[in-house]
PDB file of N, CA and C in Angstrom:
ATOM      1  N   VAL A   1     122.044 112.264 122.504  1.00  0.00           N
ATOM      2  CA  VAL A   1     120.983 112.868 123.279  1.00  0.00           C
ATOM      3  C   VAL A   1     121.610 113.606 124.451  1.00  0.00           C
ATOM      4  N   VAL A   2     121.091 114.789 124.722  1.00  0.00           N
ATOM      5  CA  VAL A   2     121.526 115.566 125.881  1.00  0.00           C
ATOM      6  C   VAL A   2     120.400 115.514 126.897  1.00  0.00           C
ATOM      7  N   LEU A   3     120.683 114.988 128.083  1.00  0.00           N
ATOM      8  CA  LEU A   3     119.689 114.857 129.138  1.00  0.00           C
ATOM      9  C   LEU A   3     120.181 115.586 130.370  1.00  0.00           C
ATOM     10  N   ASP A   4     119.405 116.519 130.861  1.00  0.00           N
ATOM     11  CA  ASP A   4     119.775 117.338 132.020  1.00  0.00           C
ATOM     12  C   ASP A   4     121.133 117.999 131.822  1.00  0.00           C
ATOM     13  N   GLY A   5     121.409 118.429 130.593  1.00  0.00           N
ATOM     14  CA  GLY A   5     122.637 119.152 130.286  1.00  0.00           C
ATOM     15  C   GLY A   5     123.862 118.289 130.105  1.00  0.00           C
ATOM     16  N   LYS A   6     123.698 116.987 130.134  1.00  0.00           N
ATOM     17  CA  LYS A   6     124.836 116.073 129.970  1.00  0.00           C
ATOM     18  C   LYS A   6     124.720 115.345 128.645  1.00  0.00           C
ATOM     19  N   ASP A   7     125.819 115.337 127.885  1.00  0.00           N
ATOM     20  CA  ASP A   7     125.843 114.630 126.607  1.00  0.00           C
ATOM     21  C   ASP A   7     125.790 113.132 126.828  1.00  0.00           C
ATOM     22  N   GLY A   8     124.969 112.471 126.036  1.00  0.00           N
ATOM     23  CA  GLY A   8     124.936 111.009 126.045  1.00  0.00           C
ATOM     24  C   GLY A   8     126.000 110.495 125.099  1.00  0.00           C
ATOM     25  N   GLU A   9     126.013 109.181 124.911  1.00  0.00           N
ATOM     26  CA  GLU A   9     126.975 108.609 123.979  1.00  0.00           C
ATOM     27  C   GLU A   9     126.656 109.074 122.572  1.00  0.00           C
ATOM     28  N   LEU A  10     127.600 109.153 121.741  1.00  0.00           N
ATOM     29  CA  LEU A  10     127.404 109.553 120.360  1.00  0.00           C
ATOM     30  C   LEU A  10     126.870 108.394 119.559  1.00  0.00           C
ATOM     31  N   LYS A  11     124.234 108.704 120.154  1.00  0.00           N
ATOM     32  CA  LYS A  11     123.044 107.927 120.042  1.00  0.00           C
ATOM     33  C   LYS A  11     122.827 107.683 118.618  1.00  0.00           C
ATOM     34  N   GLU A  12     124.278 106.521 117.256  1.00  0.00           N
ATOM     35  CA  GLU A  12     124.324 106.138 115.845  1.00  0.00           C
ATOM     36  C   GLU A  12     122.986 106.453 115.198  1.00  0.00           C
ATOM     37  N   TYR A  13     122.259 107.290 115.724  1.00  0.00           N
ATOM     38  CA  TYR A  13     120.887 107.503 115.312  1.00  0.00           C
ATOM     39  C   TYR A  13     120.714 108.767 114.476  1.00  0.00           C
ATOM     40  N   THR A  14     119.799 108.679 113.545  1.00  0.00           N
ATOM     41  CA  THR A  14     119.362 109.846 112.792  1.00  0.00           C
ATOM     42  C   THR A  14     117.851 109.923 112.930  1.00  0.00           C
ATOM     43  N   ASP A  15     117.296 111.061 112.660  1.00  0.00           N
ATOM     44  CA  ASP A  15     115.850 111.249 112.690  1.00  0.00           C
ATOM     45  C   ASP A  15     115.251 110.764 114.011  1.00  0.00           C
ATOM     46  N   VAL A  16     115.802 111.284 115.119  1.00  0.00           N
ATOM     47  CA  VAL A  16     115.280 110.936 116.444  1.00  0.00           C
ATOM     48  C   VAL A  16     113.922 111.601 116.604  1.00  0.00           C
ATOM     49  N   ARG A  17     112.939 110.806 117.029  1.00  0.00           N
ATOM     50  CA  ARG A  17     111.572 111.319 117.147  1.00  0.00           C
ATOM     51  C   ARG A  17     111.298 111.803 118.557  1.00  0.00           C
ATOM     52  N   PRO A  18     110.139 112.391 118.799  1.00  0.00           N
ATOM     53  CA  PRO A  18     109.873 112.948 120.131  1.00  0.00           C
ATOM     54  C   PRO A  18     110.113 111.939 121.251  1.00  0.00           C
ATOM     55  N   PHE A  19     110.679 112.463 122.320  1.00  0.00           N
ATOM     56  CA  PHE A  19     110.963 111.652 123.497  1.00  0.00           C
ATOM     57  C   PHE A  19     109.692 111.440 124.298  1.00  0.00           C
ATOM     58  N   SER A  20     109.667 110.346 125.035  1.00  0.00           N
ATOM     59  CA  SER A  20     108.544 110.056 125.908  1.00  0.00           C
ATOM     60  C   SER A  20     109.091 109.731 127.293  1.00  0.00           C
ATOM     61  N   PHE A  21     108.744 110.539 128.281  1.00  0.00           N
ATOM     62  CA  PHE A  21     109.114 110.250 129.662  1.00  0.00           C
ATOM     63  C   PHE A  21     108.009 109.439 130.315  1.00  0.00           C
ATOM     64  N   SER A  22     108.404 108.538 131.197  1.00  0.00           N
ATOM     65  CA  SER A  22     107.426 107.755 131.949  1.00  0.00           C
ATOM     66  C   SER A  22     106.696 108.690 132.917  1.00  0.00           C
ATOM     67  N   PRO A  23     105.502 108.288 133.367  1.00  0.00           N
ATOM     68  CA  PRO A  23     104.743 109.133 134.296  1.00  0.00           C
ATOM     69  C   PRO A  23     105.519 109.511 135.560  1.00  0.00           C
ATOM     70  N   ASP A  24     106.392 108.622 136.039  1.00  0.00           N
ATOM     71  CA  ASP A  24     107.170 108.958 137.243  1.00  0.00           C
ATOM     72  C   ASP A  24     108.421 109.773 136.918  1.00  0.00           C
ATOM     73  N   GLY A  25     108.676 110.015 135.623  1.00  0.00           N
ATOM     74  CA  GLY A  25     109.806 110.833 135.205  1.00  0.00           C
ATOM     75  C   GLY A  25     111.164 110.158 135.285  1.00  0.00           C
ATOM     76  N   LYS A  26     111.201 108.880 135.582  1.00  0.00           N
ATOM     77  CA  LYS A  26     112.474 108.174 135.756  1.00  0.00           C
ATOM     78  C   LYS A  26     112.942 107.422 134.521  1.00  0.00           C
ATOM     79  N   ARG A  27     112.057 107.231 133.533  1.00  0.00           N
ATOM     80  CA  ARG A  27     112.412 106.449 132.352  1.00  0.00           C
ATOM     81  C   ARG A  27     112.230 107.305 131.096  1.00  0.00           C
ATOM     82  N   LEU A  28     113.041 107.015 130.089  1.00  0.00           N
ATOM     83  CA  LEU A  28     113.008 107.763 128.840  1.00  0.00           C
ATOM     84  C   LEU A  28     112.999 106.800 127.668  1.00  0.00           C
ATOM     85  N   ALA A  29     112.118 107.054 126.710  1.00  0.00           N
ATOM     86  CA  ALA A  29     112.046 106.224 125.507  1.00  0.00           C
ATOM     87  C   ALA A  29     111.923 107.129 124.286  1.00  0.00           C
ATOM     88  N   TYR A  30     112.457 106.637 123.160  1.00  0.00           N
ATOM     89  CA  TYR A  30     112.299 107.339 121.891  1.00  0.00           C
ATOM     90  C   TYR A  30     112.553 106.370 120.756  1.00  0.00           C
ATOM     91  N   SER A  31     112.065 106.733 119.573  1.00  0.00           N
ATOM     92  CA  SER A  31     112.369 105.947 118.380  1.00  0.00           C
ATOM     93  C   SER A  31     113.291 106.770 117.506  1.00  0.00           C
ATOM     94  N   ALA A  32     114.084 106.071 116.709  1.00  0.00           N
ATOM     95  CA  ALA A  32     115.058 106.751 115.854  1.00  0.00           C
ATOM     96  C   ALA A  32     115.426 105.859 114.685  1.00  0.00           C
ATOM     97  N   ARG A  33     115.987 106.466 113.694  1.00  0.00           N
ATOM     98  CA  ARG A  33     116.491 105.745 112.529  1.00  0.00           C
ATOM     99  C   ARG A  33     117.924 105.331 112.821  1.00  0.00           C
ATOM    100  N   LYS A  34     118.245 104.094 112.484  1.00  0.00           N
ATOM    101  CA  LYS A  34     119.612 103.603 112.631  1.00  0.00           C
ATOM    102  C   LYS A  34     119.896 102.740 111.417  1.00  0.00           C
ATOM    103  N   GLY A  35     120.757 103.226 110.558  1.00  0.00           N
ATOM    104  CA  GLY A  35     121.007 102.505 109.318  1.00  0.00           C
ATOM    105  C   GLY A  35     119.774 102.583 108.438  1.00  0.00           C
ATOM    106  N   ARG A  36     119.259 101.428 108.046  1.00  0.00           N
ATOM    107  CA  ARG A  36     118.114 101.388 107.133  1.00  0.00           C
ATOM    108  C   ARG A  36     116.796 101.034 107.819  1.00  0.00           C
ATOM    109  N   GLY A  37     116.801 100.985 109.153  1.00  0.00           N
ATOM    110  CA  GLY A  37     115.583 100.634 109.872  1.00  0.00           C
ATOM    111  C   GLY A  37     115.388 101.494 111.097  1.00  0.00           C
ATOM    112  N   ASP A  38     114.249 101.341 111.736  1.00  0.00           N
ATOM    113  CA  ASP A  38     113.945 102.064 112.967  1.00  0.00           C
ATOM    114  C   ASP A  38     114.265 101.211 114.179  1.00  0.00           C
ATOM    115  N   CYS A  39     114.581 101.886 115.266  1.00  0.00           N
ATOM    116  CA  CYS A  39     114.795 101.208 116.531  1.00  0.00           C
ATOM    117  C   CYS A  39     114.051 101.977 117.612  1.00  0.00           C
ATOM    118  N   VAL A  40     113.835 101.345 118.742  1.00  0.00           N
ATOM    119  CA  VAL A  40     113.247 101.983 119.909  1.00  0.00           C
ATOM    120  C   VAL A  40     114.263 101.861 121.032  1.00  0.00           C
ATOM    121  N   VAL A  41     114.541 102.982 121.669  1.00  0.00           N
ATOM    122  CA  VAL A  41     115.516 103.036 122.750  1.00  0.00           C
ATOM    123  C   VAL A  41     114.777 103.325 124.052  1.00  0.00           C
ATOM    124  N   LEU A  42     114.993 102.474 125.041  1.00  0.00           N
ATOM    125  CA  LEU A  42     114.382 102.607 126.361  1.00  0.00           C
ATOM    126  C   LEU A  42     115.479 102.618 127.404  1.00  0.00           C
ATOM    127  N   ASP A  43     115.551 103.677 128.156  1.00  0.00           N
ATOM    128  CA  ASP A  43     116.568 103.807 129.215  1.00  0.00           C
ATOM    129  C   ASP A  43     117.971 103.545 128.678  1.00  0.00           C
ATOM    130  N   GLY A  44     118.239 103.991 127.436  1.00  0.00           N
ATOM    131  CA  GLY A  44     119.563 103.857 126.845  1.00  0.00           C
ATOM    132  C   GLY A  44     119.835 102.538 126.152  1.00  0.00           C
ATOM    133  N   ASN A  45     118.895 101.611 126.174  1.00  0.00           N
ATOM    134  CA  ASN A  45     119.063 100.302 125.538  1.00  0.00           C
ATOM    135  C   ASN A  45     118.052 100.112 124.416  1.00  0.00           C
ATOM    136  N   GLU A  46     118.491  99.524 123.314  1.00  0.00           N
ATOM    137  CA  GLU A  46     117.577  99.263 122.208  1.00  0.00           C
ATOM    138  C   GLU A  46     116.686  98.066 122.545  1.00  0.00           C
ATOM    139  N   VAL A  47     115.377  98.297 122.562  1.00  0.00           N
ATOM    140  CA  VAL A  47     114.425  97.202 122.792  1.00  0.00           C
ATOM    141  C   VAL A  47     113.823  96.722 121.477  1.00  0.00           C
ATOM    142  N   LEU A  48     114.038  97.493 120.413  1.00  0.00           N
ATOM    143  CA  LEU A  48     113.678  97.085 119.054  1.00  0.00           C
ATOM    144  C   LEU A  48     114.865  97.451 118.190  1.00  0.00           C
ATOM    145  N   GLN A  49     115.508  96.456 117.581  1.00  0.00           N
ATOM    146  CA  GLN A  49     116.708  96.695 116.800  1.00  0.00           C
ATOM    147  C   GLN A  49     116.373  97.003 115.348  1.00  0.00           C
ATOM    148  N   SER A  50     117.102  97.945 114.783  1.00  0.00           N
ATOM    149  CA  SER A  50     116.865  98.366 113.408  1.00  0.00           C
ATOM    150  C   SER A  50     117.152  97.256 112.406  1.00  0.00           C
ATOM    151  N   GLU A  51     118.055  96.349 112.723  1.00  0.00           N
ATOM    152  CA  GLU A  51     118.398  95.286 111.781  1.00  0.00           C
ATOM    153  C   GLU A  51     117.261  94.287 111.565  1.00  0.00           C
ATOM    154  N   ASN A  52     116.207  94.387 112.376  1.00  0.00           N
ATOM    155  CA  ASN A  52     115.047  93.522 112.179  1.00  0.00           C
ATOM    156  C   ASN A  52     114.134  94.026 111.070  1.00  0.00           C
ATOM    157  N   GLY A  53     114.494  95.141 110.434  1.00  0.00           N
ATOM    158  CA  GLY A  53     113.802  95.598 109.241  1.00  0.00           C
ATOM    159  C   GLY A  53     112.500  96.347 109.452  1.00  0.00           C
ATOM    160  N   PHE A  54     112.317  96.998 110.601  1.00  0.00           N
ATOM    161  CA  PHE A  54     111.105  97.776 110.807  1.00  0.00           C
ATOM    162  C   PHE A  54     111.236  99.129 110.129  1.00  0.00           C
ATOM    163  N   ASP A  55     110.194  99.493 109.379  1.00  0.00           N
ATOM    164  CA  ASP A  55     110.213 100.732 108.616  1.00  0.00           C
ATOM    165  C   ASP A  55     110.024 101.953 109.496  1.00  0.00           C
ATOM    166  N   LEU A  56     109.234 101.800 110.544  1.00  0.00           N
ATOM    167  CA  LEU A  56     108.910 102.938 111.398  1.00  0.00           C
ATOM    168  C   LEU A  56     108.425 102.434 112.743  1.00  0.00           C
ATOM    169  N   ALA A  57     108.854 103.083 113.810  1.00  0.00           N
ATOM    170  CA  ALA A  57     108.347 102.788 115.161  1.00  0.00           C
ATOM    171  C   ALA A  57     107.656 104.054 115.655  1.00  0.00           C
ATOM    172  N   ARG A  58     106.463 103.876 116.209  1.00  0.00           N
ATOM    173  CA  ARG A  58     105.679 105.047 116.598  1.00  0.00           C
ATOM    174  C   ARG A  58     104.806 104.737 117.811  1.00  0.00           C
ATOM    175  N   MET A  59     104.140 105.758 118.296  1.00  0.00           N
ATOM    176  CA  MET A  59     103.142 105.641 119.353  1.00  0.00           C
ATOM    177  C   MET A  59     103.716 105.019 120.629  1.00  0.00           C
ATOM    178  N   LEU A  60     104.832 105.532 121.127  1.00  0.00           N
ATOM    179  CA  LEU A  60     105.409 105.027 122.366  1.00  0.00           C
ATOM    180  C   LEU A  60     104.550 105.462 123.542  1.00  0.00           C
ATOM    181  N   LEU A  61     104.183 104.495 124.395  1.00  0.00           N
ATOM    182  CA  LEU A  61     103.276 104.764 125.499  1.00  0.00           C
ATOM    183  C   LEU A  61     103.713 103.994 126.743  1.00  0.00           C
ATOM    184  N   PHE A  62     103.945 104.730 127.827  1.00  0.00           N
ATOM    185  CA  PHE A  62     104.246 104.101 129.110  1.00  0.00           C
ATOM    186  C   PHE A  62     102.960 103.780 129.847  1.00  0.00           C
ATOM    187  N   SER A  63     103.000 102.703 130.622  1.00  0.00           N
ATOM    188  CA  SER A  63     101.867 102.373 131.490  1.00  0.00           C
ATOM    189  C   SER A  63     101.812 103.402 132.623  1.00  0.00           C
ATOM    190  N   PRO A  64     100.639 103.584 133.238  1.00  0.00           N
ATOM    191  CA  PRO A  64     100.503 104.570 134.320  1.00  0.00           C
ATOM    192  C   PRO A  64     101.473 104.347 135.476  1.00  0.00           C
ATOM    193  N   ASP A  65     101.871 103.095 135.718  1.00  0.00           N
ATOM    194  CA  ASP A  65     102.801 102.809 136.818  1.00  0.00           C
ATOM    195  C   ASP A  65     104.269 102.888 136.376  1.00  0.00           C
ATOM    196  N   SER A  66     104.504 103.272 135.118  1.00  0.00           N
ATOM    197  CA  SER A  66     105.844 103.461 134.542  1.00  0.00           C
ATOM    198  C   SER A  66     106.634 102.169 134.355  1.00  0.00           C
ATOM    199  N   ARG A  67     106.029 101.015 134.583  1.00  0.00           N
ATOM    200  CA  ARG A  67     106.751  99.754 134.498  1.00  0.00           C
ATOM    201  C   ARG A  67     106.833  99.187 133.088  1.00  0.00           C
ATOM    202  N   HIS A  68     105.901  99.561 132.203  1.00  0.00           N
ATOM    203  CA  HIS A  68     105.826  98.954 130.882  1.00  0.00           C
ATOM    204  C   HIS A  68     105.838 100.011 129.779  1.00  0.00           C
ATOM    205  N   LEU A  69     106.373  99.613 128.621  1.00  0.00           N
ATOM    206  CA  LEU A  69     106.368 100.470 127.439  1.00  0.00           C
ATOM    207  C   LEU A  69     105.739  99.697 126.286  1.00  0.00           C
ATOM    208  N   ALA A  70     104.724 100.296 125.688  1.00  0.00           N
ATOM    209  CA  ALA A  70     104.093  99.718 124.497  1.00  0.00           C
ATOM    210  C   ALA A  70     104.406 100.633 123.322  1.00  0.00           C
ATOM    211  N   PHE A  71     104.486 100.050 122.120  1.00  0.00           N
ATOM    212  CA  PHE A  71     104.677 100.853 120.920  1.00  0.00           C
ATOM    213  C   PHE A  71     104.241 100.053 119.712  1.00  0.00           C
ATOM    214  N   VAL A  72     104.119 100.750 118.595  1.00  0.00           N
ATOM    215  CA  VAL A  72     103.744 100.144 117.331  1.00  0.00           C
ATOM    216  C   VAL A  72     104.942 100.253 116.395  1.00  0.00           C
ATOM    217  N   ALA A  73     105.262  99.159 115.711  1.00  0.00           N
ATOM    218  CA  ALA A  73     106.326  99.155 114.707  1.00  0.00           C
ATOM    219  C   ALA A  73     105.734  98.643 113.400  1.00  0.00           C
ATOM    220  N   ILE A  74     106.115  99.288 112.307  1.00  0.00           N
ATOM    221  CA  ILE A  74     105.574  98.927 110.994  1.00  0.00           C
ATOM    222  C   ILE A  74     106.620  98.153 110.213  1.00  0.00           C
ATOM    223  N   LYS A  75     106.185  97.011 109.663  1.00  0.00           N
ATOM    224  CA  LYS A  75     107.049  96.185 108.831  1.00  0.00           C
ATOM    225  C   LYS A  75     106.205  95.650 107.683  1.00  0.00           C
ATOM    226  N   SER A  76     106.702  95.816 106.482  1.00  0.00           N
ATOM    227  CA  SER A  76     105.993  95.355 105.281  1.00  0.00           C
ATOM    228  C   SER A  76     104.565  95.894 105.214  1.00  0.00           C
ATOM    229  N   GLY A  77     104.393  97.146 105.646  1.00  0.00           N
ATOM    230  CA  GLY A  77     103.098  97.796 105.546  1.00  0.00           C
ATOM    231  C   GLY A  77     102.085  97.419 106.608  1.00  0.00           C
ATOM    232  N   ALA A  78     102.444  96.572 107.562  1.00  0.00           N
ATOM    233  CA  ALA A  78     101.506  96.157 108.610  1.00  0.00           C
ATOM    234  C   ALA A  78     102.005  96.605 109.986  1.00  0.00           C
ATOM    235  N   ASP A  79     101.074  97.079 110.815  1.00  0.00           N
ATOM    236  CA  ASP A  79     101.399  97.482 112.175  1.00  0.00           C
ATOM    237  C   ASP A  79     101.566  96.248 113.065  1.00  0.00           C
ATOM    238  N   ARG A  80     102.533  96.325 113.945  1.00  0.00           N
ATOM    239  CA  ARG A  80     102.752  95.264 114.929  1.00  0.00           C
ATOM    240  C   ARG A  80     102.880  95.928 116.291  1.00  0.00           C
ATOM    241  N   VAL A  81     102.236  95.383 117.289  1.00  0.00           N
ATOM    242  CA  VAL A  81     102.231  95.948 118.629  1.00  0.00           C
ATOM    243  C   VAL A  81     103.264  95.229 119.488  1.00  0.00           C
ATOM    244  N   PHE A  82     104.044  96.015 120.240  1.00  0.00           N
ATOM    245  CA  PHE A  82     105.070  95.477 121.137  1.00  0.00           C
ATOM    246  C   PHE A  82     104.797  95.942 122.556  1.00  0.00           C
ATOM    247  N   LEU A  83     105.068  95.074 123.502  1.00  0.00           N
ATOM    248  CA  LEU A  83     104.985  95.390 124.921  1.00  0.00           C
ATOM    249  C   LEU A  83     106.304  94.969 125.542  1.00  0.00           C
ATOM    250  N   ASP A  84     107.001  95.926 126.117  1.00  0.00           N
ATOM    251  CA  ASP A  84     108.309  95.666 126.724  1.00  0.00           C
ATOM    252  C   ASP A  84     109.259  94.984 125.736  1.00  0.00           C
ATOM    253  N   GLY A  85     109.186  95.386 124.470  1.00  0.00           N
ATOM    254  CA  GLY A  85     110.083  94.872 123.440  1.00  0.00           C
ATOM    255  C   GLY A  85     109.677  93.543 122.833  1.00  0.00           C
ATOM    256  N   VAL A  86     108.545  92.980 123.255  1.00  0.00           N
ATOM    257  CA  VAL A  86     108.092  91.682 122.764  1.00  0.00           C
ATOM    258  C   VAL A  86     106.833  91.880 121.922  1.00  0.00           C
ATOM    259  N   GLU A  87     106.843  91.342 120.684  1.00  0.00           N
ATOM    260  CA  GLU A  87     105.678  91.466 119.828  1.00  0.00           C
ATOM    261  C   GLU A  87     104.494  90.734 120.437  1.00  0.00           C
ATOM    262  N   GLN A  88     103.338  91.381 120.390  1.00  0.00           N
ATOM    263  CA  GLN A  88     102.119  90.832 120.960  1.00  0.00           C
ATOM    264  C   GLN A  88     101.313  90.154 119.868  1.00  0.00           C
ATOM    265  N   GLY A  89     101.313  88.834 119.857  1.00  0.00           N
ATOM    266  CA  GLY A  89     100.690  88.044 118.805  1.00  0.00           C
ATOM    267  C   GLY A  89      99.207  88.258 118.631  1.00  0.00           C
ATOM    268  N   GLY A  90      98.478  88.513 119.690  1.00  0.00           N
ATOM    269  CA  GLY A  90      97.041  88.707 119.586  1.00  0.00           C
ATOM    270  C   GLY A  90      96.672  89.872 118.692  1.00  0.00           C
ATOM    271  N   PHE A  91      97.477  90.924 118.738  1.00  0.00           N
ATOM    272  CA  PHE A  91      97.212  92.076 117.894  1.00  0.00           C
ATOM    273  C   PHE A  91      97.502  91.733 116.443  1.00  0.00           C
ATOM    274  N   SER A  92      98.646  91.101 116.197  1.00  0.00           N
ATOM    275  CA  SER A  92      99.030  90.766 114.830  1.00  0.00           C
ATOM    276  C   SER A  92      98.080  89.748 114.219  1.00  0.00           C
ATOM    277  N   ALA A  93      97.540  88.878 115.036  1.00  0.00           N
ATOM    278  CA  ALA A  93      96.638  87.844 114.529  1.00  0.00           C
ATOM    279  C   ALA A  93      95.373  88.450 113.934  1.00  0.00           C
ATOM    280  N   GLN A  94      95.042  89.659 114.335  1.00  0.00           N
ATOM    281  CA  GLN A  94      93.868  90.329 113.793  1.00  0.00           C
ATOM    282  C   GLN A  94      94.127  90.897 112.407  1.00  0.00           C
ATOM    283  N   LYS A  95      95.375  90.817 111.957  1.00  0.00           N
ATOM    284  CA  LYS A  95      95.776  91.306 110.635  1.00  0.00           C
ATOM    285  C   LYS A  95      95.342  92.745 110.407  1.00  0.00           C
ATOM    286  N   MET A  96      95.641  93.575 111.383  1.00  0.00           N
ATOM    287  CA  MET A  96      95.286  94.985 111.285  1.00  0.00           C
ATOM    288  C   MET A  96      96.301  95.713 110.413  1.00  0.00           C
ATOM    289  N   ASP A  97      95.803  96.475 109.469  1.00  0.00           N
ATOM    290  CA  ASP A  97      96.697  97.276 108.654  1.00  0.00           C
ATOM    291  C   ASP A  97      97.236  98.458 109.443  1.00  0.00           C
ATOM    292  N   ARG A  98      96.408  98.996 110.317  1.00  0.00           N
ATOM    293  CA  ARG A  98      96.808 100.170 111.070  1.00  0.00           C
ATOM    294  C   ARG A  98      96.225 100.129 112.469  1.00  0.00           C
ATOM    295  N   VAL A  99      97.075 100.259 113.469  1.00  0.00           N
ATOM    296  CA  VAL A  99      96.637 100.341 114.858  1.00  0.00           C
ATOM    297  C   VAL A  99      96.423 101.825 115.162  1.00  0.00           C
ATOM    298  N   PRO A 100      95.193 102.240 115.430  1.00  0.00           N
ATOM    299  CA  PRO A 100      94.926 103.664 115.605  1.00  0.00           C
ATOM    300  C   PRO A 100      95.294 104.219 116.977  1.00  0.00           C
ATOM    301  N   GLN A 101      95.347 103.358 118.002  1.00  0.00           N
ATOM    302  CA  GLN A 101      95.574 103.853 119.347  1.00  0.00           C
ATOM    303  C   GLN A 101      96.007 102.715 120.263  1.00  0.00           C
ATOM    304  N   LEU A 102      96.787 103.041 121.270  1.00  0.00           N
ATOM    305  CA  LEU A 102      97.138 102.108 122.337  1.00  0.00           C
ATOM    306  C   LEU A 102      96.670 102.716 123.657  1.00  0.00           C
ATOM    307  N   ALA A 103      96.243 101.865 124.589  1.00  0.00           N
ATOM    308  CA  ALA A 103      95.815 102.353 125.897  1.00  0.00           C
ATOM    309  C   ALA A 103      96.090 101.300 126.952  1.00  0.00           C
ATOM    310  N   PHE A 104      96.595 101.756 128.094  1.00  0.00           N
ATOM    311  CA  PHE A 104      96.787 100.896 129.252  1.00  0.00           C
ATOM    312  C   PHE A 104      95.628 101.098 130.223  1.00  0.00           C
ATOM    313  N   SER A 105      95.317 100.052 130.972  1.00  0.00           N
ATOM    314  CA  SER A 105      94.372 100.201 132.078  1.00  0.00           C
ATOM    315  C   SER A 105      95.058 101.031 133.164  1.00  0.00           C
ATOM    316  N   GLN A 106      94.274 101.586 134.086  1.00  0.00           N
ATOM    317  CA  GLN A 106      94.836 102.433 135.130  1.00  0.00           C
ATOM    318  C   GLN A 106      95.891 101.723 135.981  1.00  0.00           C
ATOM    319  N   ASP A 107      95.722 100.414 136.199  1.00  0.00           N
ATOM    320  CA  ASP A 107      96.701  99.687 137.002  1.00  0.00           C
ATOM    321  C   ASP A 107      97.896  99.199 136.186  1.00  0.00           C
ATOM    322  N   GLY A 108      97.889  99.436 134.864  1.00  0.00           N
ATOM    323  CA  GLY A 108      99.005  99.068 134.005  1.00  0.00           C
ATOM    324  C   GLY A 108      99.096  97.594 133.667  1.00  0.00           C
ATOM    325  N   LYS A 109      98.088  96.816 134.045  1.00  0.00           N
ATOM    326  CA  LYS A 109      98.135  95.364 133.813  1.00  0.00           C
ATOM    327  C   LYS A 109      97.555  94.937 132.487  1.00  0.00           C
ATOM    328  N   HIS A 110      96.810  95.820 131.811  1.00  0.00           N
ATOM    329  CA  HIS A 110      96.155  95.449 130.559  1.00  0.00           C
ATOM    330  C   HIS A 110      96.457  96.484 129.466  1.00  0.00           C
ATOM    331  N   LEU A 111      96.647  95.981 128.254  1.00  0.00           N
ATOM    332  CA  LEU A 111      96.925  96.831 127.105  1.00  0.00           C
ATOM    333  C   LEU A 111      95.857  96.569 126.054  1.00  0.00           C
ATOM    334  N   ALA A 112      95.246  97.632 125.570  1.00  0.00           N
ATOM    335  CA  ALA A 112      94.233  97.504 124.498  1.00  0.00           C
ATOM    336  C   ALA A 112      94.710  98.256 123.265  1.00  0.00           C
TER     337      ALA A 112
END
């Protein structure tokens, strides 16, 4: 990845998807293919590792205060919701085949 004209480390990634900047412009997140799975990279660190077997990571969303990152990762045909790299059990417990949208409250404390 090239950021502000500077080359990043050579990012083992293929099929890098659109970047998402936090509202304050200080944080950067993206999903990419690494090996046989998808990963999510936040501020240069993988918060979702490809070796965990996720087929696709999508819908990266920063909270309005830029402190949190939510995203959806697909595994075995089912969507799973993550907040700050941690799977959110309440969403998965609903056995949703597809999560159509993610939204944060204005204060960034709640995720729907």
